[in-house]
Amino acid sequence: MQYNTQKEKLFLPEYGRNIQNMVDHCVSIEDAEERRKCAYTVIDIMGNMFPHLRDVNNFKHILWDHLAIMSDFKLEIEYPYEVITREELFNAPGHLDYSRATMRYRHYGKILERMIKIAASMEEDHKKEHLLKMLLSQMKRSYSQWNKEADDEKIFYDLYELSDGKIKMSVDTHSIPEVKLNNNNRDKLKNIKYQRKK
């Protein structure tokens, strides 16, 4: 008895050994017309294996790519589509540049910096005052997550700097309410006994 682990490795295991044997037979056919007919038959069988994917735009193109891969790029026929080449398959993808947001203080985040700019451009009224209270509270929360103790003076200075000097507040005239961080929530979620007690 011969086990599958002892047999030749499959290029695309999702199609199974029978389809791989069909592809191997197709490659071995000498007559070009017979080889072409065999390839189209194998494509039809491969398509029947995944009927739920028939609605995908380039489903047939994908099947022809798979046929080329399964034949180890040895199947010599006129493909109806431009199939993937060995070089394209095994080449590493190019370097992808990520957009690096320029932030002065990463612990506050880009959105908070934008909101501070909006608050700086607002007219003096109760809406701006309310927004500033919310921003200061969020700044303290963000600052506390990265540092052990929140320094109100430092937060007021950061607000002044992020608003380009348009918002000037100090510890003498304003206070930031204490924020409570829930650091132990993750531990509670991991503890199954705690979840069952609730």
N, C-alpha and C. Protein backbone atom coordinates (compact mmCIF):
# COMPACT_ATOMS: atom_id res chain seq x y z
N MET A 1 0.86 -1.20 0.00
CA MET A 1 0.00 0.00 0.00
C MET A 1 0.89 1.24 0.00
N GLN A 2 0.53 2.22 -0.81
CA GLN A 2 1.30 3.46 -0.90
C GLN A 2 0.47 4.60 -0.33
N TYR A 3 1.06 5.31 0.64
CA TYR A 3 0.36 6.42 1.28
C TYR A 3 0.55 7.70 0.47
N ASN A 4 -0.37 8.64 0.68
CA ASN A 4 -0.29 9.92 -0.03
C ASN A 4 1.00 10.67 0.30
N THR A 5 1.51 10.48 1.51
CA THR A 5 2.74 11.16 1.91
C THR A 5 3.94 10.64 1.13
N GLN A 6 3.82 9.43 0.60
CA GLN A 6 4.91 8.84 -0.17
C GLN A 6 4.82 9.22 -1.65
N LYS A 7 3.65 9.70 -2.06
CA LYS A 7 3.45 10.06 -3.46
C LYS A 7 4.00 11.45 -3.74
N GLU A 8 4.02 11.80 -5.00
CA GLU A 8 4.52 13.12 -5.39
C GLU A 8 3.64 14.22 -4.80
N LYS A 9 4.28 15.29 -4.33
CA LYS A 9 3.54 16.38 -3.69
C LYS A 9 2.65 17.09 -4.70
N LEU A 10 1.43 17.42 -4.26
CA LEU A 10 0.47 18.12 -5.13
C LEU A 10 0.81 19.61 -5.17
N PHE A 11 0.68 20.21 -6.36
CA PHE A 11 0.92 21.65 -6.49
C PHE A 11 -0.19 22.45 -5.82
N LEU A 12 -1.45 22.04 -6.09
CA LEU A 12 -2.61 22.69 -5.45
C LEU A 12 -3.47 21.59 -4.82
N PRO A 13 -3.25 21.29 -3.55
CA PRO A 13 -3.94 20.17 -2.90
C PRO A 13 -5.46 20.29 -2.86
N GLU A 14 -5.98 21.52 -2.99
CA GLU A 14 -7.44 21.68 -2.91
C GLU A 14 -8.18 20.99 -4.05
N TYR A 15 -7.48 20.71 -5.14
CA TYR A 15 -8.12 20.01 -6.27
C TYR A 15 -8.02 18.50 -6.13
N GLY A 16 -7.12 18.01 -5.34
CA GLY A 16 -7.01 16.57 -5.10
C GLY A 16 -6.11 15.87 -6.12
N ARG A 17 -5.80 14.62 -5.80
CA ARG A 17 -4.87 13.84 -6.63
C ARG A 17 -5.47 13.45 -7.98
N ASN A 18 -6.78 13.21 -8.05
CA ASN A 18 -7.39 12.80 -9.33
C ASN A 18 -7.26 13.90 -10.38
N ILE A 19 -7.52 15.15 -9.99
CA ILE A 19 -7.38 16.26 -10.94
C ILE A 19 -5.91 16.41 -11.33
N GLN A 20 -5.01 16.25 -10.36
CA GLN A 20 -3.58 16.34 -10.67
C GLN A 20 -3.19 15.25 -11.67
N ASN A 21 -3.74 14.05 -11.52
CA ASN A 21 -3.46 12.97 -12.48
C ASN A 21 -3.98 13.31 -13.87
N MET A 22 -5.17 13.95 -13.92
CA MET A 22 -5.73 14.38 -15.21
C MET A 22 -4.82 15.39 -15.89
N VAL A 23 -4.32 16.35 -15.09
CA VAL A 23 -3.42 17.38 -15.63
C VAL A 23 -2.13 16.73 -16.14
N ASP A 24 -1.60 15.79 -15.36
CA ASP A 24 -0.38 15.09 -15.79
C ASP A 24 -0.61 14.34 -17.10
N HIS A 25 -1.79 13.72 -17.22
CA HIS A 25 -2.13 13.01 -18.46
C HIS A 25 -2.22 14.00 -19.63
N CYS A 26 -2.83 15.13 -19.35
CA CYS A 26 -2.99 16.17 -20.37
C CYS A 26 -1.63 16.63 -20.89
N VAL A 27 -0.68 16.80 -19.99
CA VAL A 27 0.67 17.24 -20.37
C VAL A 27 1.35 16.19 -21.25
N SER A 28 1.06 14.91 -20.96
CA SER A 28 1.73 13.83 -21.68
C SER A 28 1.17 13.56 -23.08
N ILE A 29 0.01 14.15 -23.42
CA ILE A 29 -0.60 13.93 -24.75
C ILE A 29 0.25 14.63 -25.81
N GLU A 30 0.57 13.89 -26.86
CA GLU A 30 1.45 14.43 -27.92
C GLU A 30 0.70 15.32 -28.91
N ASP A 31 -0.53 14.92 -29.28
CA ASP A 31 -1.30 15.66 -30.28
C ASP A 31 -1.80 16.99 -29.69
N ALA A 32 -1.51 18.08 -30.34
CA ALA A 32 -1.84 19.42 -29.82
C ALA A 32 -3.34 19.63 -29.67
N GLU A 33 -4.12 19.15 -30.65
CA GLU A 33 -5.58 19.34 -30.60
C GLU A 33 -6.19 18.51 -29.46
N GLU A 34 -5.72 17.28 -29.32
CA GLU A 34 -6.21 16.42 -28.23
C GLU A 34 -5.82 17.01 -26.87
N ARG A 35 -4.62 17.56 -26.80
CA ARG A 35 -4.14 18.18 -25.56
C ARG A 35 -5.01 19.39 -25.21
N ARG A 36 -5.39 20.17 -26.22
CA ARG A 36 -6.25 21.34 -25.99
C ARG A 36 -7.62 20.90 -25.48
N LYS A 37 -8.20 19.87 -26.12
CA LYS A 37 -9.52 19.36 -25.68
C LYS A 37 -9.45 18.84 -24.25
N CYS A 38 -8.38 18.14 -23.95
CA CYS A 38 -8.19 17.60 -22.60
C CYS A 38 -8.11 18.74 -21.58
N ALA A 39 -7.38 19.81 -21.92
CA ALA A 39 -7.24 20.95 -21.02
C ALA A 39 -8.59 21.60 -20.74
N TYR A 40 -9.42 21.77 -21.79
CA TYR A 40 -10.74 22.36 -21.60
C TYR A 40 -11.63 21.47 -20.75
N THR A 41 -11.50 20.15 -20.92
CA THR A 41 -12.29 19.22 -20.11
C THR A 41 -11.88 19.31 -18.64
N VAL A 42 -10.57 19.36 -18.41
CA VAL A 42 -10.08 19.47 -17.03
C VAL A 42 -10.56 20.78 -16.40
N ILE A 43 -10.55 21.87 -17.17
CA ILE A 43 -11.04 23.16 -16.66
C ILE A 43 -12.51 23.06 -16.27
N ASP A 44 -13.32 22.38 -17.09
CA ASP A 44 -14.74 22.21 -16.76
C ASP A 44 -14.92 21.43 -15.47
N ILE A 45 -14.13 20.38 -15.29
CA ILE A 45 -14.22 19.57 -14.08
C ILE A 45 -13.77 20.40 -12.87
N MET A 46 -12.71 21.16 -13.02
CA MET A 46 -12.24 22.02 -11.92
C MET A 46 -13.30 23.05 -11.55
N GLY A 47 -13.97 23.60 -12.56
CA GLY A 47 -15.04 24.57 -12.31
C GLY A 47 -16.21 23.96 -11.58
N ASN A 48 -16.52 22.68 -11.88
CA ASN A 48 -17.64 21.99 -11.21
C ASN A 48 -17.34 21.71 -9.75
N MET A 49 -16.07 21.67 -9.40
CA MET A 49 -15.70 21.40 -8.01
C MET A 49 -16.03 22.58 -7.10
N PHE A 50 -16.05 23.79 -7.65
CA PHE A 50 -16.31 24.99 -6.86
C PHE A 50 -17.43 25.81 -7.51
N PRO A 51 -18.67 25.29 -7.53
CA PRO A 51 -19.76 26.02 -8.20
C PRO A 51 -20.10 27.35 -7.55
N HIS A 52 -19.83 27.50 -6.26
CA HIS A 52 -20.15 28.75 -5.56
C HIS A 52 -19.25 29.90 -6.00
N LEU A 53 -18.15 29.60 -6.68
CA LEU A 53 -17.24 30.65 -7.13
C LEU A 53 -17.50 31.10 -8.57
N ARG A 54 -18.52 30.54 -9.20
CA ARG A 54 -18.78 30.87 -10.61
C ARG A 54 -19.16 32.33 -10.81
N ASP A 55 -19.66 32.98 -9.75
CA ASP A 55 -20.07 34.37 -9.87
C ASP A 55 -18.88 35.33 -9.79
N VAL A 56 -17.72 34.83 -9.42
CA VAL A 56 -16.53 35.67 -9.33
C VAL A 56 -16.16 36.11 -10.74
N ASN A 57 -15.80 37.40 -10.89
CA ASN A 57 -15.55 37.98 -12.21
C ASN A 57 -14.55 37.20 -13.05
N ASN A 58 -13.40 36.92 -12.50
CA ASN A 58 -12.35 36.28 -13.29
C ASN A 58 -12.17 34.81 -12.91
N PHE A 59 -13.28 34.12 -12.67
CA PHE A 59 -13.25 32.73 -12.23
C PHE A 59 -12.54 31.84 -13.24
N LYS A 60 -12.88 31.96 -14.52
CA LYS A 60 -12.25 31.13 -15.56
C LYS A 60 -10.76 31.43 -15.67
N HIS A 61 -10.42 32.69 -15.57
CA HIS A 61 -9.01 33.09 -15.64
C HIS A 61 -8.22 32.43 -14.50
N ILE A 62 -8.80 32.43 -13.30
CA ILE A 62 -8.16 31.80 -12.15
C ILE A 62 -7.97 30.31 -12.40
N LEU A 63 -9.00 29.66 -12.97
CA LEU A 63 -8.88 28.23 -13.26
C LEU A 63 -7.74 27.94 -14.23
N TRP A 64 -7.59 28.78 -15.26
CA TRP A 64 -6.50 28.58 -16.22
C TRP A 64 -5.14 28.81 -15.56
N ASP A 65 -5.08 29.77 -14.65
CA ASP A 65 -3.84 29.97 -13.89
C ASP A 65 -3.52 28.73 -13.07
N HIS A 66 -4.54 28.16 -12.43
CA HIS A 66 -4.34 26.97 -11.63
C HIS A 66 -3.90 25.79 -12.49
N LEU A 67 -4.47 25.67 -13.66
CA LEU A 67 -4.07 24.59 -14.57
C LEU A 67 -2.60 24.73 -14.95
N ALA A 68 -2.17 25.94 -15.23
CA ALA A 68 -0.75 26.16 -15.57
C ALA A 68 0.14 25.81 -14.39
N ILE A 69 -0.27 26.17 -13.19
CA ILE A 69 0.52 25.87 -11.99
C ILE A 69 0.58 24.37 -11.76
N MET A 70 -0.57 23.70 -11.88
CA MET A 70 -0.62 22.25 -11.64
C MET A 70 0.18 21.47 -12.68
N SER A 71 0.32 22.02 -13.87
CA SER A 71 1.11 21.33 -14.90
C SER A 71 2.59 21.69 -14.79
N ASP A 72 2.94 22.43 -13.75
CA ASP A 72 4.31 22.92 -13.55
C ASP A 72 4.77 23.73 -14.76
N PHE A 73 3.83 24.42 -15.38
CA PHE A 73 4.05 25.30 -16.54
C PHE A 73 4.58 24.52 -17.75
N LYS A 74 4.26 23.21 -17.81
CA LYS A 74 4.72 22.37 -18.92
C LYS A 74 3.63 22.12 -19.96
N LEU A 75 2.40 22.53 -19.67
CA LEU A 75 1.31 22.31 -20.62
C LEU A 75 1.41 23.30 -21.77
N GLU A 76 1.65 22.77 -22.94
CA GLU A 76 1.84 23.62 -24.12
C GLU A 76 0.57 23.65 -24.95
N ILE A 77 -0.25 24.65 -24.68
CA ILE A 77 -1.49 24.89 -25.44
C ILE A 77 -1.64 26.39 -25.60
N GLU A 78 -2.59 26.78 -26.44
CA GLU A 78 -2.94 28.20 -26.55
C GLU A 78 -3.98 28.49 -25.49
N TYR A 79 -3.57 29.21 -24.46
CA TYR A 79 -4.47 29.54 -23.37
C TYR A 79 -5.42 30.64 -23.82
N PRO A 80 -6.70 30.56 -23.41
CA PRO A 80 -7.64 31.63 -23.77
C PRO A 80 -7.37 32.93 -23.01
N TYR A 81 -6.60 32.83 -21.94
CA TYR A 81 -6.24 34.00 -21.14
C TYR A 81 -4.72 34.03 -21.01
N GLU A 82 -4.21 35.19 -20.63
CA GLU A 82 -2.78 35.27 -20.32
C GLU A 82 -2.60 34.70 -18.92
N VAL A 83 -1.92 33.57 -18.82
CA VAL A 83 -1.78 32.90 -17.53
C VAL A 83 -0.54 33.38 -16.80
N ILE A 84 -0.52 33.09 -15.54
CA ILE A 84 0.60 33.47 -14.68
C ILE A 84 1.86 32.70 -15.11
N THR A 85 3.00 33.35 -14.98
CA THR A 85 4.25 32.68 -15.33
C THR A 85 4.95 32.23 -14.04
N ARG A 86 5.93 31.35 -14.21
CA ARG A 86 6.67 30.85 -13.06
C ARG A 86 7.35 32.00 -12.30
N GLU A 87 7.89 32.96 -13.04
CA GLU A 87 8.58 34.09 -12.41
C GLU A 87 7.61 34.93 -11.58
N GLU A 88 6.42 35.18 -12.12
CA GLU A 88 5.42 35.96 -11.38
C GLU A 88 4.98 35.23 -10.12
N LEU A 89 4.90 33.91 -10.21
CA LEU A 89 4.41 33.11 -9.08
C LEU A 89 5.41 33.09 -7.94
N PHE A 90 6.69 32.98 -8.26
CA PHE A 90 7.69 32.80 -7.22
C PHE A 90 8.45 34.08 -6.84
N ASN A 91 8.22 35.16 -7.56
CA ASN A 91 8.86 36.43 -7.19
C ASN A 91 8.21 37.00 -5.94
N ALA A 92 9.02 37.57 -5.10
CA ALA A 92 8.49 38.23 -3.90
C ALA A 92 7.77 39.52 -4.33
N PRO A 93 6.68 39.86 -3.66
CA PRO A 93 5.99 41.11 -4.02
C PRO A 93 6.86 42.32 -3.71
N GLY A 94 6.60 43.39 -4.40
CA GLY A 94 7.37 44.62 -4.20
C GLY A 94 7.12 45.23 -2.83
N HIS A 95 7.98 46.13 -2.45
CA HIS A 95 7.85 46.81 -1.16
C HIS A 95 6.63 47.73 -1.16
N LEU A 96 5.86 47.64 -0.12
CA LEU A 96 4.66 48.47 0.00
C LEU A 96 4.93 49.58 1.01
N ASP A 97 4.84 50.81 0.54
CA ASP A 97 5.06 51.95 1.43
C ASP A 97 3.77 52.31 2.14
N TYR A 98 3.84 52.38 3.44
CA TYR A 98 2.68 52.78 4.23
C TYR A 98 2.72 54.29 4.44
N SER A 99 1.55 54.88 4.48
CA SER A 99 1.51 56.32 4.71
C SER A 99 1.76 56.55 6.20
N ARG A 100 2.80 57.25 6.48
CA ARG A 100 3.15 57.56 7.86
C ARG A 100 2.57 58.92 8.21
N ALA A 101 1.62 58.90 9.09
CA ALA A 101 1.02 60.17 9.51
C ALA A 101 2.02 60.91 10.38
N THR A 102 2.16 62.19 10.11
CA THR A 102 3.10 62.99 10.90
C THR A 102 2.37 63.49 12.14
N MET A 103 2.74 62.94 13.27
CA MET A 103 2.12 63.33 14.53
C MET A 103 3.21 63.82 15.47
N ARG A 104 2.91 64.85 16.17
CA ARG A 104 3.90 65.36 17.15
C ARG A 104 3.94 64.44 18.36
N TYR A 105 2.76 64.03 18.82
CA TYR A 105 2.67 63.13 19.97
C TYR A 105 1.83 61.92 19.55
N ARG A 106 2.49 60.81 19.42
CA ARG A 106 1.81 59.61 18.92
C ARG A 106 0.78 59.08 19.91
N HIS A 107 1.00 59.30 21.20
CA HIS A 107 0.05 58.76 22.18
C HIS A 107 -1.31 59.48 22.13
N TYR A 108 -1.35 60.67 21.55
CA TYR A 108 -2.64 61.35 21.40
C TYR A 108 -3.35 60.90 20.13
N GLY A 109 -2.62 60.63 19.10
CA GLY A 109 -3.23 60.17 17.86
C GLY A 109 -3.56 61.31 16.91
N LYS A 110 -3.75 60.95 15.65
CA LYS A 110 -3.97 61.93 14.58
C LYS A 110 -5.33 62.62 14.71
N ILE A 111 -6.35 61.86 15.08
CA ILE A 111 -7.71 62.42 15.16
C ILE A 111 -7.79 63.49 16.25
N LEU A 112 -7.18 63.21 17.40
CA LEU A 112 -7.20 64.18 18.49
C LEU A 112 -6.48 65.46 18.08
N GLU A 113 -5.38 65.32 17.35
CA GLU A 113 -4.65 66.51 16.87
C GLU A 113 -5.52 67.32 15.91
N ARG A 114 -6.25 66.64 15.05
CA ARG A 114 -7.15 67.36 14.12
C ARG A 114 -8.26 68.08 14.89
N MET A 115 -8.80 67.41 15.91
CA MET A 115 -9.87 68.02 16.69
C MET A 115 -9.37 69.26 17.43
N ILE A 116 -8.13 69.24 17.89
CA ILE A 116 -7.56 70.41 18.56
C ILE A 116 -7.45 71.56 17.57
N LYS A 117 -7.07 71.28 16.34
CA LYS A 117 -6.98 72.33 15.30
C LYS A 117 -8.38 72.92 15.04
N ILE A 118 -9.40 72.06 15.03
CA ILE A 118 -10.78 72.54 14.83
C ILE A 118 -11.18 73.43 16.00
N ALA A 119 -10.88 72.96 17.21
CA ALA A 119 -11.23 73.75 18.40
C ALA A 119 -10.51 75.10 18.40
N ALA A 120 -9.27 75.12 17.92
CA ALA A 120 -8.50 76.37 17.87
C ALA A 120 -9.12 77.38 16.91
N SER A 121 -9.76 76.87 15.87
CA SER A 121 -10.35 77.77 14.87
C SER A 121 -11.78 78.20 15.21
N MET A 122 -12.37 77.62 16.26
CA MET A 122 -13.74 77.97 16.65
C MET A 122 -13.79 79.31 17.37
N GLU A 123 -14.98 79.93 17.32
CA GLU A 123 -15.19 81.18 18.07
C GLU A 123 -15.39 80.85 19.54
N GLU A 124 -15.07 81.81 20.38
CA GLU A 124 -15.21 81.60 21.83
C GLU A 124 -16.70 81.55 22.19
N ASP A 125 -17.18 80.40 22.62
CA ASP A 125 -18.55 80.24 23.12
C ASP A 125 -18.62 78.95 23.94
N HIS A 126 -19.83 78.60 24.37
CA HIS A 126 -19.98 77.42 25.24
C HIS A 126 -19.67 76.11 24.50
N LYS A 127 -19.87 76.09 23.17
CA LYS A 127 -19.55 74.88 22.40
C LYS A 127 -18.04 74.61 22.41
N LYS A 128 -17.28 75.67 22.22
CA LYS A 128 -15.82 75.52 22.23
C LYS A 128 -15.34 75.10 23.62
N GLU A 129 -15.93 75.70 24.65
CA GLU A 129 -15.55 75.37 26.02
C GLU A 129 -15.84 73.90 26.33
N HIS A 130 -17.00 73.43 25.88
CA HIS A 130 -17.38 72.03 26.08
C HIS A 130 -16.44 71.10 25.31
N LEU A 131 -16.14 71.46 24.08
CA LEU A 131 -15.22 70.65 23.26
C LEU A 131 -13.84 70.58 23.91
N LEU A 132 -13.36 71.71 24.43
CA LEU A 132 -12.04 71.73 25.08
C LEU A 132 -12.01 70.84 26.32
N LYS A 133 -13.10 70.83 27.10
CA LYS A 133 -13.17 69.95 28.27
C LYS A 133 -13.08 68.49 27.84
N MET A 134 -13.80 68.16 26.78
CA MET A 134 -13.78 66.78 26.29
C MET A 134 -12.39 66.41 25.74
N LEU A 135 -11.77 67.34 25.02
CA LEU A 135 -10.44 67.09 24.47
C LEU A 135 -9.41 66.91 25.58
N LEU A 136 -9.46 67.77 26.60
CA LEU A 136 -8.53 67.65 27.71
C LEU A 136 -8.70 66.33 28.45
N SER A 137 -9.96 65.92 28.62
CA SER A 137 -10.23 64.65 29.28
C SER A 137 -9.67 63.49 28.47
N GLN A 138 -9.86 63.53 27.16
CA GLN A 138 -9.34 62.47 26.29
C GLN A 138 -7.81 62.51 26.25
N MET A 139 -7.24 63.71 26.24
CA MET A 139 -5.78 63.82 26.25
C MET A 139 -5.21 63.22 27.53
N LYS A 140 -5.89 63.46 28.65
CA LYS A 140 -5.41 62.91 29.91
C LYS A 140 -5.52 61.38 29.90
N ARG A 141 -6.62 60.89 29.35
CA ARG A 141 -6.81 59.44 29.26
C ARG A 141 -5.72 58.82 28.38
N SER A 142 -5.47 59.41 27.23
CA SER A 142 -4.44 58.90 26.32
C SER A 142 -3.05 58.99 26.95
N TYR A 143 -2.80 60.10 27.62
CA TYR A 143 -1.50 60.30 28.28
C TYR A 143 -1.30 59.26 29.39
N SER A 144 -2.37 58.97 30.13
CA SER A 144 -2.29 58.02 31.24
C SER A 144 -2.06 56.59 30.76
N GLN A 145 -2.54 56.28 29.58
CA GLN A 145 -2.33 54.94 29.06
C GLN A 145 -0.87 54.69 28.73
N TRP A 146 -0.13 55.72 28.40
CA TRP A 146 1.27 55.56 28.02
C TRP A 146 2.23 55.91 29.15
N ASN A 147 1.79 56.70 30.10
CA ASN A 147 2.64 57.12 31.21
C ASN A 147 1.95 56.73 32.52
N LYS A 148 2.76 56.54 33.55
CA LYS A 148 2.18 56.08 34.83
C LYS A 148 1.28 57.13 35.46
N GLU A 149 1.74 58.36 35.47
CA GLU A 149 0.95 59.43 36.08
C GLU A 149 0.68 60.53 35.05
N ALA A 150 -0.53 61.04 35.11
CA ALA A 150 -0.90 62.12 34.19
C ALA A 150 -0.48 63.45 34.79
N ASP A 151 0.27 64.22 34.05
CA ASP A 151 0.74 65.53 34.48
C ASP A 151 -0.11 66.59 33.77
N ASP A 152 -0.97 67.26 34.55
CA ASP A 152 -1.89 68.24 33.96
C ASP A 152 -1.14 69.38 33.27
N GLU A 153 -0.04 69.81 33.88
CA GLU A 153 0.75 70.89 33.28
C GLU A 153 1.25 70.51 31.89
N LYS A 154 1.72 69.27 31.79
CA LYS A 154 2.24 68.77 30.51
C LYS A 154 1.10 68.71 29.48
N ILE A 155 -0.07 68.28 29.90
CA ILE A 155 -1.22 68.18 28.99
C ILE A 155 -1.63 69.57 28.49
N PHE A 156 -1.65 70.57 29.39
CA PHE A 156 -1.97 71.93 28.97
C PHE A 156 -0.92 72.47 28.00
N TYR A 157 0.32 72.14 28.26
CA TYR A 157 1.40 72.58 27.37
C TYR A 157 1.26 71.91 25.99
N ASP A 158 0.94 70.61 25.99
CA ASP A 158 0.74 69.89 24.72
C ASP A 158 -0.42 70.49 23.93
N LEU A 159 -1.49 70.85 24.65
CA LEU A 159 -2.64 71.48 23.99
C LEU A 159 -2.23 72.81 23.36
N TYR A 160 -1.46 73.58 24.09
CA TYR A 160 -0.96 74.87 23.59
C TYR A 160 -0.11 74.65 22.33
N GLU A 161 0.77 73.66 22.39
CA GLU A 161 1.66 73.38 21.26
C GLU A 161 0.90 72.84 20.05
N LEU A 162 -0.05 71.94 20.28
CA LEU A 162 -0.80 71.33 19.17
C LEU A 162 -1.75 72.33 18.52
N SER A 163 -2.18 73.35 19.27
CA SER A 163 -3.07 74.37 18.69
C SER A 163 -2.27 75.52 18.09
N ASP A 164 -0.97 75.35 17.98
CA ASP A 164 -0.07 76.39 17.45
C ASP A 164 -0.18 77.69 18.25
N GLY A 165 -0.32 77.55 19.54
CA GLY A 165 -0.35 78.70 20.44
C GLY A 165 -1.68 79.42 20.51
N LYS A 166 -2.73 78.87 19.89
CA LYS A 166 -4.04 79.57 19.88
C LYS A 166 -4.85 79.29 21.14
N ILE A 167 -4.63 78.12 21.76
CA ILE A 167 -5.37 77.78 22.98
C ILE A 167 -4.39 77.80 24.15
N LYS A 168 -4.60 78.75 25.06
CA LYS A 168 -3.70 78.86 26.21
C LYS A 168 -4.51 78.64 27.47
N MET A 169 -4.21 77.53 28.14
CA MET A 169 -4.87 77.20 29.40
C MET A 169 -3.78 76.79 30.38
N SER A 170 -4.08 76.90 31.67
CA SER A 170 -3.07 76.50 32.66
C SER A 170 -3.74 75.83 33.85
N VAL A 171 -2.92 75.24 34.70
CA VAL A 171 -3.42 74.57 35.90
C VAL A 171 -4.06 75.57 36.86
N ASP A 172 -3.61 76.80 36.81
CA ASP A 172 -4.13 77.83 37.71
C ASP A 172 -5.58 78.18 37.40
N THR A 173 -5.94 78.19 36.11
CA THR A 173 -7.28 78.64 35.72
C THR A 173 -8.24 77.50 35.39
N HIS A 174 -7.70 76.34 35.01
CA HIS A 174 -8.55 75.22 34.61
C HIS A 174 -8.10 73.93 35.29
N SER A 175 -9.02 73.01 35.39
CA SER A 175 -8.66 71.69 35.94
C SER A 175 -9.20 70.60 35.01
N ILE A 176 -8.47 69.51 34.97
CA ILE A 176 -8.89 68.36 34.15
C ILE A 176 -9.38 67.30 35.11
N PRO A 177 -10.61 66.81 34.91
CA PRO A 177 -11.12 65.79 35.83
C PRO A 177 -10.28 64.51 35.76
N GLU A 178 -10.23 63.81 36.88
CA GLU A 178 -9.47 62.55 36.92
C GLU A 178 -10.14 61.53 36.00
N VAL A 179 -9.32 60.74 35.34
CA VAL A 179 -9.84 59.70 34.46
C VAL A 179 -9.53 58.36 35.08
N LYS A 180 -10.47 57.44 34.93
CA LYS A 180 -10.30 56.10 35.48
C LYS A 180 -10.03 55.16 34.32
N LEU A 181 -8.89 54.50 34.38
CA LEU A 181 -8.53 53.54 33.34
C LEU A 181 -8.91 52.14 33.79
N ASN A 182 -9.54 51.41 32.89
CA ASN A 182 -9.93 50.03 33.19
C ASN A 182 -8.87 49.08 32.65
N ASN A 183 -7.76 48.98 33.36
CA ASN A 183 -6.67 48.11 32.91
C ASN A 183 -6.94 46.64 33.18
N ASN A 184 -7.82 46.35 34.12
CA ASN A 184 -8.03 44.96 34.50
C ASN A 184 -9.17 44.29 33.73
N ASN A 185 -9.77 44.98 32.76
CA ASN A 185 -10.87 44.39 31.99
C ASN A 185 -10.41 43.18 31.20
N ARG A 186 -9.22 43.26 30.62
CA ARG A 186 -8.72 42.14 29.81
C ARG A 186 -8.55 40.89 30.66
N ASP A 187 -8.03 41.09 31.88
CA ASP A 187 -7.83 39.94 32.77
C ASP A 187 -9.17 39.30 33.12
N LYS A 188 -10.18 40.12 33.32
CA LYS A 188 -11.50 39.60 33.66
C LYS A 188 -12.09 38.81 32.50
N LEU A 189 -11.90 39.30 31.27
CA LEU A 189 -12.43 38.59 30.11
C LEU A 189 -11.74 37.25 29.91
N LYS A 190 -10.46 37.21 30.23
CA LYS A 190 -9.72 35.95 30.06
C LYS A 190 -10.10 34.93 31.13
N ASN A 191 -10.57 35.40 32.24
CA ASN A 191 -10.89 34.51 33.36
C ASN A 191 -12.29 33.92 33.15
N ILE A 192 -12.34 32.66 32.81
CA ILE A 192 -13.63 32.01 32.52
C ILE A 192 -14.51 31.94 33.76
N LYS A 193 -13.89 31.75 34.91
CA LYS A 193 -14.66 31.67 36.14
C LYS A 193 -15.41 32.97 36.39
N TYR A 194 -14.74 34.10 36.10
CA TYR A 194 -15.38 35.40 36.28
C TYR A 194 -16.57 35.54 35.35
N GLN A 195 -16.44 35.06 34.12
CA GLN A 195 -17.53 35.17 33.14
C GLN A 195 -18.72 34.32 33.58
N ARG A 196 -18.47 33.17 34.18
CA ARG A 196 -19.55 32.28 34.59
C ARG A 196 -20.30 32.83 35.81
N LYS A 197 -19.58 33.55 36.67
CA LYS A 197 -20.21 34.12 37.85
C LYS A 197 -21.23 35.17 37.48
N LYS A 198 -20.95 35.92 36.41
CA LYS A 198 -21.86 36.98 35.97
C LYS A 198 -23.07 36.35 35.44
